[in-house]
Amino acid sequence: MAATADTSHTALRERHGPRYRWLLLLSVMVGTMASIMSSTIVNVAIPGLSHYFALGQERAQWVSSGFMVAMTVSMLATPWLLDRYGYRRTYMGAMVLLLAGGVVGGFADAFSLVLGARVAEGLAAGVVQPIPAIIILRAFAPHEQGRASGIFGMGVVLAPAIGPSIGGLLVDLFGWRSIFFMVVPFCLASLWLARIFVPTNAPGGVAAQRSAGAGIDWRGLVLAAAGTLCLLNGLVSLHGDGAVQAALLLTGAVAALVAFIWWERRIAARGAQPLMNLALFGYRQFAMGSVVSFIYGTALFGSTYLLPVYMQLGLQLSASLVGTILLPAGIVLAITIAGVGRLADRHPTYILVSIGLALLAASFGLMVVVGLQTALWVLVAFAILGRIGLGFILPSLNLGSLQPLAPALISQGASVINFVRMLGGAAGISLCGIVLEWRLAAHGDSLTNPVTSPARLAAFNETFVMLALMCLLALAAASQLRMRKPAAVAPLSTPAPENR
């Protein structure tokens, strides 16, 4: 009992004083950076992996997609793990799993081991990523939550900003195995910080909602995994000629969604704890925030894939020059997030999210004026404009969606909002590829041609316009994030929440 008391949130806060909440945020930020880096950095190692294991493009792609599927699904299990095992054991367990994935993947001599290591890393990343949002809402006062979100976001975006650049250098010097080992020092540092600063119980004194013997909703987890797999593989199948296979997989995804909703309603009606509490969507702000989060994920991940391809294959720029063009945008993104975080403490979050979506839509729409003779500074300016938009959205969307929730629903809400965003991101990459191939074929061109053409640029422009329209669609949903007076909400699975 004494050991438990010594590592409780109250005891740690008394031991470390007023700065403790920031030290706690730093601790989970290091681990989150490691998980995000593991998701983005491996892309630069895929050519080396393909050559070493003699893989085709489809099998090599599973190194990325296997990670994505595992991460997306495991996010839904985070609330159960936190309630069942506590914050410290859950967080440190995820870090150990991420560390093991990096070590096993780095030493692997069989592709099956590499794929298994990536799945393990994805499971760990999915558990870790919702935790910071929960801590920010529980450990920080309302007037500090925006600032905390901004500081956390500024640190986290550095991982995908500098990760690929460092990863490319490591691959050139030491080969593809070095990519897996890159997360090891981050994991070790995170484990050391967690033993000192991460509490055993929830910040804010929120009691666990599950008894010690309560089991996880395995059927719900299996249905969510099956639906995610069917959706992502169905979208990938649309790239080729497998129209029948794609139709079957997408139909399976819809069937899994319907079955998941039915099962979650049933298990809640029996008084058990569902994997996803559908009462979350009785909060208008959360429901609309989920719509924005899905579309935002689609646009973010889709553009992250599309922009480098456009610059290299559409504008015929070198890979090193593309990296140089995107680097200032990454720096501006980090600065913007820190500034907007402070604004989120003083201004309505729906206004900040709306500004960000409008800027992001403008950055996509302006790409139609770019041509082969366009000056490079124009590309830099458009990339910076888009990243400023992202900087307005990132620290504001979670706060606007999660702040109205009852304290007992915050952990589930953070997991669901991250799940929805990652699902949108995984779908966005495939969607951009599908639309680009469709428009290239319509213009009579193909990316296999060694030289670019006005037809190719037109196909890319139409794909950017599609992303701009999606951002404008999300803008309509973002207007519903504003706080209103309490109103009656029909219950979904638990008593109706206060719609504040």
Protein backbone atom coordinates (compact mmCIF):
# COMPACT_ATOMS: atom_id res chain seq x y z
CA MET A 1 0.00 0.00 0.00
CA ALA A 2 2.86 2.37 0.81
CA ALA A 3 4.48 1.76 -2.57
CA THR A 4 1.19 2.47 -4.30
CA ALA A 5 0.71 5.69 -2.32
CA ASP A 6 4.24 6.85 -3.14
CA THR A 7 3.57 6.64 -6.87
CA SER A 8 0.03 7.99 -6.89
CA HIS A 9 -0.70 11.23 -8.71
CA THR A 10 -1.26 13.11 -5.45
CA ALA A 11 2.02 11.91 -3.90
CA LEU A 12 4.06 12.70 -7.01
CA ARG A 13 2.50 16.15 -7.28
CA GLU A 14 3.40 16.88 -3.66
CA ARG A 15 6.93 15.54 -4.17
CA HIS A 16 7.74 17.55 -7.31
CA GLY A 17 5.68 20.66 -6.64
CA PRO A 18 3.79 22.92 -9.08
CA ARG A 19 6.00 21.94 -12.02
CA TYR A 20 4.97 18.28 -11.77
CA ARG A 21 2.22 18.49 -14.42
CA TRP A 22 4.77 19.74 -16.96
CA LEU A 23 7.24 16.99 -16.07
CA LEU A 24 4.46 14.44 -16.52
CA LEU A 25 3.64 15.92 -19.93
CA LEU A 26 7.32 15.79 -20.93
CA SER A 27 7.50 12.13 -19.91
CA VAL A 28 4.63 11.04 -22.14
CA MET A 29 5.74 13.39 -24.93
CA VAL A 30 9.05 11.54 -25.33
CA GLY A 31 7.26 8.21 -25.67
CA THR A 32 4.72 9.65 -28.10
CA MET A 33 7.55 11.07 -30.23
CA ALA A 34 9.08 7.59 -30.35
CA SER A 35 5.77 6.04 -31.45
CA ILE A 36 5.17 8.67 -34.14
CA MET A 37 8.74 8.40 -35.39
CA SER A 38 8.37 4.62 -35.71
CA SER A 39 5.30 5.15 -37.89
CA THR A 40 6.85 7.63 -40.34
CA ILE A 41 10.55 6.84 -40.52
CA VAL A 42 10.24 3.31 -41.90
CA ASN A 43 9.12 4.60 -45.31
CA VAL A 44 12.69 5.53 -46.22
CA ALA A 45 13.80 1.95 -45.48
CA ILE A 46 11.23 0.17 -47.66
CA PRO A 47 13.45 0.12 -50.80
CA GLY A 48 16.29 -1.44 -48.77
CA LEU A 49 13.91 -3.94 -47.19
CA SER A 50 12.48 -4.87 -50.59
CA HIS A 51 15.93 -5.51 -51.99
CA TYR A 52 17.20 -7.47 -48.97
CA PHE A 53 14.20 -9.79 -48.75
CA ALA A 54 13.43 -9.80 -52.52
CA LEU A 55 9.92 -8.48 -51.90
CA GLY A 56 7.33 -7.28 -54.36
CA GLN A 57 5.69 -3.88 -53.80
CA GLU A 58 2.54 -5.45 -52.31
CA ARG A 59 4.40 -7.43 -49.61
CA ALA A 60 6.76 -4.55 -48.85
CA GLN A 61 3.78 -2.22 -48.36
CA TRP A 62 2.61 -4.38 -45.45
CA VAL A 63 5.53 -3.04 -43.42
CA SER A 64 3.65 0.27 -43.33
CA SER A 65 0.04 -0.91 -43.53
CA GLY A 66 0.53 -3.63 -40.88
CA PHE A 67 1.76 -0.97 -38.48
CA MET A 68 -1.16 1.31 -39.37
CA VAL A 69 -3.83 -1.35 -38.84
CA ALA A 70 -2.35 -2.47 -35.50
CA MET A 71 -2.03 1.11 -34.26
CA THR A 72 -5.54 2.12 -35.32
CA VAL A 73 -7.24 -0.84 -33.62
CA SER A 74 -5.19 -0.84 -30.40
CA MET A 75 -6.19 2.77 -29.70
CA LEU A 76 -9.64 1.50 -28.74
CA ALA A 77 -8.13 -0.74 -26.04
CA THR A 78 -6.33 2.12 -24.24
CA PRO A 79 -9.20 3.03 -21.85
CA TRP A 80 -9.56 -0.58 -20.70
CA LEU A 81 -5.80 -0.93 -20.18
CA LEU A 82 -5.64 2.32 -18.18
CA ASP A 83 -8.52 1.27 -15.94
CA ARG A 84 -7.31 -2.31 -15.55
CA TYR A 85 -3.54 -1.79 -15.10
CA GLY A 86 -3.16 1.91 -14.28
CA TYR A 87 -1.30 4.65 -16.09
CA ARG A 88 2.27 3.71 -15.20
CA ARG A 89 2.03 -0.02 -16.04
CA THR A 90 0.10 0.63 -19.26
CA TYR A 91 2.45 3.33 -20.49
CA MET A 92 5.65 1.50 -19.55
CA GLY A 93 4.31 -1.77 -20.98
CA ALA A 94 3.67 -0.04 -24.30
CA MET A 95 7.16 1.45 -24.27
CA VAL A 96 8.71 -1.97 -23.59
CA LEU A 97 6.72 -3.42 -26.51
CA LEU A 98 7.87 -0.58 -28.79
CA LEU A 99 11.46 -1.13 -27.65
CA ALA A 100 11.20 -4.87 -28.30
CA GLY A 101 9.77 -4.23 -31.77
CA GLY A 102 12.70 -1.96 -32.62
CA VAL A 103 15.32 -4.45 -31.41
CA VAL A 104 13.69 -7.52 -33.03
CA GLY A 105 13.11 -5.68 -36.30
CA GLY A 106 16.70 -4.47 -36.38
CA PHE A 107 18.16 -7.95 -35.92
CA ALA A 108 15.57 -9.86 -37.99
CA ASP A 109 16.76 -12.11 -40.82
CA ALA A 110 13.27 -13.14 -41.95
CA PHE A 111 10.59 -10.87 -43.35
CA SER A 112 7.98 -12.49 -41.07
CA LEU A 113 9.97 -11.25 -38.06
CA VAL A 114 10.20 -7.75 -39.53
CA LEU A 115 6.44 -7.72 -40.12
CA GLY A 116 5.79 -9.04 -36.60
CA ALA A 117 8.05 -6.35 -35.15
CA ARG A 118 6.15 -3.67 -37.07
CA VAL A 119 2.81 -4.98 -35.81
CA ALA A 120 4.16 -4.95 -32.24
CA GLU A 121 5.34 -1.36 -32.70
CA GLY A 122 1.91 -0.44 -34.09
CA LEU A 123 0.13 -1.98 -31.11
CA ALA A 124 2.37 -0.02 -28.73
CA ALA A 125 1.95 3.25 -30.65
CA GLY A 126 -1.82 2.90 -30.64
CA VAL A 127 -1.92 2.47 -26.86
CA VAL A 128 0.42 5.41 -26.20
CA GLN A 129 -0.98 8.12 -28.48
CA PRO A 130 -4.33 8.81 -26.74
CA ILE A 131 -2.69 9.10 -23.29
CA PRO A 132 -1.30 12.68 -23.60
CA ALA A 133 -4.74 14.11 -24.45
CA ILE A 134 -6.18 12.39 -21.37
CA ILE A 135 -3.41 13.76 -19.15
CA ILE A 136 -3.79 17.30 -20.52
CA LEU A 137 -7.51 17.32 -19.73
CA ARG A 138 -7.09 15.78 -16.27
CA ALA A 139 -3.81 17.17 -14.93
CA PHE A 140 -4.11 20.76 -16.21
CA ALA A 141 -6.58 23.46 -15.28
CA PRO A 142 -8.94 24.55 -18.09
CA HIS A 143 -7.08 27.82 -18.61
CA GLU A 144 -3.78 25.89 -19.12
CA GLN A 145 -5.00 23.11 -21.42
CA GLY A 146 -4.48 25.04 -24.64
CA ARG A 147 -0.93 26.01 -23.70
CA ALA A 148 -0.16 22.40 -22.71
CA SER A 149 -1.60 21.12 -26.00
CA GLY A 150 0.51 23.62 -27.93
CA ILE A 151 3.76 22.72 -26.17
CA PHE A 152 3.05 19.02 -26.52
CA GLY A 153 2.13 19.42 -30.19
CA MET A 154 5.27 21.45 -30.92
CA GLY A 155 7.43 18.66 -29.55
CA VAL A 156 5.54 15.87 -31.27
CA VAL A 157 5.59 17.39 -34.77
CA LEU A 158 9.38 17.46 -34.66
CA ALA A 159 9.38 13.65 -34.90
CA PRO A 160 7.83 13.39 -38.38
CA ALA A 161 9.58 16.60 -39.44
CA ILE A 162 13.15 15.48 -38.74
CA GLY A 163 12.65 11.70 -38.63
CA PRO A 164 12.70 10.97 -42.38
CA SER A 165 15.73 13.23 -42.92
CA ILE A 166 17.75 11.51 -40.19
CA GLY A 167 16.40 8.15 -41.33
CA GLY A 168 17.56 8.70 -44.88
CA LEU A 169 21.05 9.53 -43.63
CA LEU A 170 21.10 6.41 -41.41
CA VAL A 171 19.96 4.18 -44.28
CA ASP A 172 22.70 5.54 -46.53
CA LEU A 173 25.37 5.01 -43.87
CA PHE A 174 24.26 1.87 -42.03
CA GLY A 175 21.46 0.23 -44.02
CA TRP A 176 17.76 -0.37 -43.35
CA ARG A 177 18.31 -2.03 -39.95
CA SER A 178 19.36 1.28 -38.41
CA ILE A 179 15.80 2.58 -38.85
CA PHE A 180 14.48 0.11 -36.28
CA PHE A 181 17.21 0.94 -33.77
CA MET A 182 16.49 4.67 -33.97
CA VAL A 183 13.55 4.41 -31.54
CA VAL A 184 15.63 2.58 -28.90
CA PRO A 185 17.14 5.66 -27.15
CA PHE A 186 13.74 7.39 -27.11
CA CYS A 187 12.13 4.31 -25.54
CA LEU A 188 14.87 4.02 -22.89
CA ALA A 189 14.58 7.72 -22.01
CA SER A 190 10.80 7.42 -21.84
CA LEU A 191 10.98 4.40 -19.52
CA TRP A 192 13.37 6.26 -17.20
CA LEU A 193 11.10 9.33 -17.09
CA ALA A 194 7.99 7.18 -16.60
CA ARG A 195 9.42 5.49 -13.50
CA ILE A 196 9.90 8.92 -11.95
CA PHE A 197 6.90 10.97 -13.11
CA VAL A 198 4.04 8.82 -14.50
CA PRO A 199 1.55 8.01 -11.72
CA THR A 200 -0.14 4.69 -11.09
CA ASN A 201 -3.60 6.25 -10.99
CA ALA A 202 -5.37 8.76 -13.21
CA PRO A 203 -4.48 12.46 -12.86
CA GLY A 204 -7.38 14.42 -11.48
CA GLY A 205 -8.53 11.65 -9.15
CA VAL A 206 -11.01 10.09 -11.59
CA ALA A 207 -11.96 6.65 -10.42
CA ALA A 208 -11.61 3.64 -12.67
CA GLN A 209 -14.83 2.58 -14.32
CA ARG A 210 -14.02 -1.13 -14.56
CA SER A 211 -13.55 -3.61 -11.75
CA ALA A 212 -10.24 -5.42 -11.47
CA GLY A 213 -11.72 -8.59 -12.90
CA ALA A 214 -13.60 -6.98 -15.79
CA GLY A 215 -12.49 -8.26 -19.14
CA ILE A 216 -11.98 -6.36 -22.35
CA ASP A 217 -14.71 -6.39 -24.99
CA TRP A 218 -12.97 -8.92 -27.24
CA ARG A 219 -15.84 -9.27 -29.70
CA GLY A 220 -15.95 -5.54 -30.22
CA LEU A 221 -12.17 -5.45 -30.69
CA VAL A 222 -12.30 -8.29 -33.27
CA LEU A 223 -15.12 -6.57 -35.18
CA ALA A 224 -13.20 -3.27 -35.18
CA ALA A 225 -10.05 -5.03 -36.43
CA ALA A 226 -11.95 -6.91 -39.13
CA GLY A 227 -13.69 -3.76 -40.33
CA THR A 228 -10.43 -1.79 -40.42
CA LEU A 229 -8.64 -4.55 -42.36
CA CYS A 230 -11.48 -4.85 -44.86
CA LEU A 231 -11.65 -1.08 -45.38
CA LEU A 232 -7.92 -0.56 -45.91
CA ASN A 233 -7.46 -3.63 -48.11
CA GLY A 234 -10.58 -2.77 -50.07
CA LEU A 235 -9.23 0.70 -50.82
CA VAL A 236 -5.86 -0.77 -51.83
CA SER A 237 -7.65 -3.20 -54.17
CA LEU A 238 -9.27 -0.27 -55.95
CA HIS A 239 -5.79 0.73 -57.18
CA GLY A 240 -5.60 -2.35 -59.39
CA ASP A 241 -8.09 -4.28 -61.47
CA GLY A 242 -9.58 -6.24 -58.57
CA ALA A 243 -12.98 -4.53 -58.67
CA VAL A 244 -14.82 -7.62 -57.40
CA GLN A 245 -12.35 -8.15 -54.57
CA ALA A 246 -12.54 -4.47 -53.63
CA ALA A 247 -16.35 -4.57 -53.61
CA LEU A 248 -16.38 -7.65 -51.38
CA LEU A 249 -13.87 -6.14 -48.95
CA LEU A 250 -15.67 -2.79 -48.73
CA THR A 251 -18.98 -4.60 -48.23
CA GLY A 252 -17.31 -6.56 -45.44
CA ALA A 253 -16.17 -3.28 -43.87
CA VAL A 254 -19.75 -1.93 -43.87
CA ALA A 255 -21.06 -5.22 -42.43
CA ALA A 256 -18.41 -5.15 -39.68
CA LEU A 257 -19.38 -1.55 -38.83
CA VAL A 258 -23.06 -2.44 -38.54
CA ALA A 259 -22.23 -5.51 -36.42
CA PHE A 260 -19.88 -3.43 -34.22
CA ILE A 261 -22.56 -0.81 -33.49
CA TRP A 262 -25.14 -3.52 -32.77
CA TRP A 263 -22.78 -5.34 -30.40
CA GLU A 264 -21.69 -2.20 -28.56
CA ARG A 265 -25.33 -1.24 -27.98
CA ARG A 266 -26.14 -4.74 -26.78
CA ILE A 267 -23.23 -5.00 -24.35
CA ALA A 268 -24.01 -1.55 -22.91
CA ALA A 269 -27.68 -2.51 -22.46
CA ARG A 270 -26.57 -5.53 -20.41
CA GLY A 271 -24.68 -3.24 -18.04
CA ALA A 272 -21.21 -4.31 -19.19
CA GLN A 273 -18.49 -1.93 -20.38
CA PRO A 274 -18.32 -1.66 -24.21
CA LEU A 275 -15.12 -1.11 -26.15
CA MET A 276 -16.60 2.14 -27.49
CA ASN A 277 -19.25 3.87 -25.41
CA LEU A 278 -21.71 5.17 -27.97
CA ALA A 279 -22.93 7.74 -25.44
CA LEU A 280 -19.91 9.76 -26.57
CA PHE A 281 -21.77 10.66 -29.74
CA GLY A 282 -24.63 12.09 -27.68
CA TYR A 283 -22.32 15.07 -27.18
CA ARG A 284 -22.80 17.23 -30.25
CA GLN A 285 -19.29 18.69 -30.03
CA PHE A 286 -17.70 15.25 -29.86
CA ALA A 287 -19.81 13.90 -32.74
CA MET A 288 -18.92 16.84 -34.97
CA GLY A 289 -15.32 16.72 -33.79
CA SER A 290 -15.16 13.09 -34.91
CA VAL A 291 -16.36 14.09 -38.39
CA VAL A 292 -13.73 16.85 -38.55
CA SER A 293 -11.07 14.48 -37.22
CA PHE A 294 -11.77 11.85 -39.90
CA ILE A 295 -11.71 14.37 -42.75
CA TYR A 296 -8.70 16.12 -41.25
CA GLY A 297 -6.84 12.79 -41.05
CA THR A 298 -7.74 12.06 -44.65
CA ALA A 299 -6.45 15.44 -45.85
CA LEU A 300 -3.33 15.40 -43.65
CA PHE A 301 -2.08 11.92 -44.48
CA GLY A 302 -3.25 12.15 -48.08
CA SER A 303 -1.36 15.38 -48.67
CA THR A 304 1.71 14.03 -46.86
CA TYR A 305 1.76 11.28 -49.49
CA LEU A 306 0.73 13.47 -52.43
CA LEU A 307 3.02 16.50 -52.04
CA PRO A 308 6.40 14.72 -52.37
CA VAL A 309 5.07 12.62 -55.30
CA TYR A 310 3.79 15.79 -56.99
CA MET A 311 7.07 17.63 -56.60
CA GLN A 312 9.21 14.72 -57.79
CA LEU A 313 7.10 13.19 -60.55
CA GLY A 314 5.01 16.21 -61.52
CA LEU A 315 7.52 19.06 -61.24
CA GLN A 316 10.63 16.88 -61.75
CA LEU A 317 12.37 18.10 -58.60
CA SER A 318 15.04 16.03 -56.86
CA ALA A 319 14.33 14.28 -53.56
CA SER A 320 16.86 16.46 -51.73
CA LEU A 321 15.27 19.63 -53.11
CA VAL A 322 11.82 18.43 -52.05
CA GLY A 323 13.13 17.94 -48.52
CA THR A 324 14.59 21.45 -48.55
CA ILE A 325 11.26 22.91 -49.72
CA LEU A 326 9.28 21.15 -46.98
CA LEU A 327 11.72 21.85 -44.12
CA PRO A 328 10.72 25.52 -43.52
CA ALA A 329 7.08 24.43 -43.42
CA GLY A 330 7.88 21.93 -40.68
CA ILE A 331 9.62 24.61 -38.61
CA VAL A 332 6.70 27.02 -39.08
CA LEU A 333 4.29 24.25 -38.02
CA ALA A 334 6.10 23.74 -34.71
CA ILE A 335 6.09 27.50 -33.98
CA THR A 336 2.42 27.88 -34.97
CA ILE A 337 1.28 25.06 -32.70
CA ALA A 338 2.95 26.64 -29.68
CA GLY A 339 1.33 30.01 -30.38
CA VAL A 340 -2.13 28.64 -31.15
CA GLY A 341 -2.03 26.58 -27.97
CA ARG A 342 -2.01 29.81 -25.97
CA LEU A 343 -4.83 31.20 -28.12
CA ALA A 344 -6.93 28.10 -27.35
CA ASP A 345 -6.97 29.12 -23.68
CA ARG A 346 -8.60 32.46 -24.54
CA HIS A 347 -10.63 31.92 -27.72
CA PRO A 348 -13.32 29.41 -28.77
CA THR A 349 -11.70 26.31 -30.24
CA TYR A 350 -14.20 26.09 -33.11
CA ILE A 351 -12.93 29.42 -34.45
CA LEU A 352 -9.31 28.22 -34.39
CA VAL A 353 -10.21 24.90 -36.04
CA SER A 354 -12.23 26.73 -38.71
CA ILE A 355 -9.34 29.11 -39.46
CA GLY A 356 -6.99 26.14 -39.78
CA LEU A 357 -9.30 24.25 -42.16
CA ALA A 358 -9.77 27.36 -44.30
CA LEU A 359 -5.99 27.89 -44.57
CA LEU A 360 -5.45 24.20 -45.34
CA ALA A 361 -8.12 24.29 -48.05
CA ALA A 362 -6.53 27.44 -49.52
CA SER A 363 -3.07 25.80 -49.62
CA PHE A 364 -4.50 22.86 -51.60
CA GLY A 365 -6.58 25.05 -53.90
CA LEU A 366 -3.65 27.34 -54.72
CA MET A 367 -1.64 24.39 -56.05
CA VAL A 368 -3.60 24.65 -59.31
CA VAL A 369 -1.61 27.79 -60.23
CA VAL A 370 1.75 25.98 -59.95
CA GLY A 371 3.48 25.04 -63.20
CA LEU A 372 6.84 23.81 -64.40
CA GLN A 373 8.17 27.38 -64.53
CA THR A 374 6.87 28.41 -61.10
CA ALA A 375 9.52 29.79 -58.74
CA LEU A 376 10.47 27.54 -55.83
CA TRP A 377 9.59 30.23 -53.27
CA VAL A 378 5.94 29.90 -54.35
CA LEU A 379 5.98 26.20 -53.46
CA VAL A 380 7.60 27.02 -50.12
CA ALA A 381 4.94 29.66 -49.43
CA PHE A 382 2.05 27.30 -50.25
CA ALA A 383 3.57 24.55 -48.09
CA ILE A 384 3.99 27.01 -45.19
CA LEU A 385 0.37 28.18 -45.59
CA GLY A 386 -0.85 24.61 -45.27
CA ARG A 387 1.30 23.95 -42.22
CA ILE A 388 0.02 27.11 -40.54
CA GLY A 389 -3.46 25.69 -41.08
CA LEU A 390 -2.41 22.41 -39.47
CA GLY A 391 -0.94 24.36 -36.57
CA PHE A 392 -4.33 25.96 -35.91
CA ILE A 393 -6.13 22.61 -36.02
CA LEU A 394 -3.84 20.30 -34.05
CA PRO A 395 -4.02 21.80 -30.52
CA SER A 396 -7.64 22.95 -30.88
CA LEU A 397 -9.54 19.96 -32.27
CA ASN A 398 -8.98 17.61 -29.34
CA LEU A 399 -9.84 20.32 -26.81
CA GLY A 400 -13.01 21.31 -28.62
CA SER A 401 -14.13 17.69 -28.90
CA LEU A 402 -13.16 16.40 -25.44
CA GLN A 403 -13.71 19.33 -23.06
CA PRO A 404 -17.52 18.90 -22.98
CA LEU A 405 -17.29 15.22 -22.00
CA ALA A 406 -18.03 13.93 -18.52
CA PRO A 407 -14.75 13.07 -16.71
CA ALA A 408 -15.51 9.33 -16.82
CA LEU A 409 -15.72 9.46 -20.64
CA ILE A 410 -12.52 11.40 -21.32
CA SER A 411 -10.23 8.37 -21.74
CA GLN A 412 -12.65 6.69 -24.16
CA GLY A 413 -13.20 9.97 -25.99
CA ALA A 414 -9.46 10.51 -26.48
CA SER A 415 -9.05 6.98 -27.81
CA VAL A 416 -12.00 7.24 -30.19
CA ILE A 417 -10.99 10.64 -31.59
CA ASN A 418 -7.47 9.33 -32.28
CA PHE A 419 -8.91 6.13 -33.79
CA VAL A 420 -11.14 8.13 -36.14
CA ARG A 421 -8.27 10.41 -37.21
CA MET A 422 -5.92 7.52 -37.94
CA LEU A 423 -8.65 5.64 -39.81
CA GLY A 424 -9.21 8.74 -41.93
CA GLY A 425 -5.45 9.02 -42.48
CA ALA A 426 -5.12 5.43 -43.64
CA ALA A 427 -8.07 5.90 -45.98
CA GLY A 428 -6.71 9.25 -47.20
CA ILE A 429 -3.49 7.79 -48.58
CA SER A 430 -5.43 5.23 -50.63
CA LEU A 431 -8.03 7.81 -51.68
CA CYS A 432 -5.39 10.20 -53.03
CA GLY A 433 -3.75 7.35 -54.93
CA ILE A 434 -7.08 6.23 -56.41
CA VAL A 435 -8.16 9.72 -57.49
CA LEU A 436 -4.70 10.48 -58.93
CA GLU A 437 -4.66 7.27 -60.99
CA TRP A 438 -8.19 7.93 -62.19
CA ARG A 439 -7.42 11.49 -63.31
CA LEU A 440 -4.11 10.45 -64.90
CA ALA A 441 -5.94 7.84 -66.96
CA ALA A 442 -8.61 10.41 -67.88
CA HIS A 443 -5.86 12.75 -69.15
CA GLY A 444 -4.05 9.95 -70.98
CA ASP A 445 -0.93 9.89 -68.81
CA SER A 446 0.76 7.60 -66.30
CA LEU A 447 3.39 8.01 -63.58
CA THR A 448 5.47 5.35 -65.33
CA ASN A 449 6.31 7.86 -68.06
CA PRO A 450 9.81 9.26 -67.48
CA VAL A 451 8.84 12.86 -68.23
CA THR A 452 6.05 15.07 -66.98
CA SER A 453 3.43 16.88 -69.03
CA PRO A 454 0.61 19.43 -68.68
CA ALA A 455 -1.80 16.49 -68.52
CA ARG A 456 0.03 15.07 -65.52
CA LEU A 457 -0.02 18.41 -63.72
CA ALA A 458 -3.76 18.70 -64.44
CA ALA A 459 -4.35 15.28 -62.83
CA PHE A 460 -2.39 16.33 -59.73
CA ASN A 461 -4.27 19.65 -59.60
CA GLU A 462 -7.63 17.90 -59.63
CA THR A 463 -6.50 15.67 -56.77
CA PHE A 464 -5.48 18.74 -54.75
CA VAL A 465 -8.89 20.30 -55.47
CA MET A 466 -10.50 17.15 -54.05
CA LEU A 467 -8.53 17.63 -50.81
CA ALA A 468 -9.53 21.31 -50.70
CA LEU A 469 -13.22 20.40 -51.03
CA MET A 470 -12.87 17.87 -48.20
CA CYS A 471 -11.44 20.57 -45.94
CA LEU A 472 -14.37 22.85 -46.78
CA LEU A 473 -16.74 20.00 -45.90
CA ALA A 474 -15.00 19.63 -42.55
CA LEU A 475 -15.39 23.40 -42.08
CA ALA A 476 -19.18 22.96 -41.92
CA ALA A 477 -18.83 20.35 -39.16
CA ALA A 478 -16.28 22.49 -37.28
CA SER A 479 -18.88 25.23 -36.79
CA GLN A 480 -20.77 22.77 -34.56
CA LEU A 481 -17.89 22.60 -32.07
CA ARG A 482 -19.08 25.80 -30.40
CA MET A 483 -20.30 25.48 -26.82
CA ARG A 484 -24.03 25.99 -26.24
CA LYS A 485 -26.39 26.03 -23.33
CA PRO A 486 -27.43 22.64 -21.96
CA ALA A 487 -29.98 20.78 -24.04
CA ALA A 488 -31.62 17.39 -23.77
CA VAL A 489 -29.80 14.62 -25.62
CA ALA A 490 -31.40 11.26 -26.29
CA PRO A 491 -29.43 8.49 -24.55
CA LEU A 492 -27.56 5.99 -26.68
CA SER A 493 -26.25 3.54 -24.13
CA THR A 494 -25.95 5.43 -20.85
CA PRO A 495 -27.85 8.37 -19.34
CA ALA A 496 -27.77 11.39 -21.62
CA PRO A 497 -24.70 13.62 -21.19
CA GLU A 498 -24.97 17.29 -20.57
CA ASN A 499 -24.53 18.95 -23.95
CA ARG A 500 -22.72 22.04 -22.81
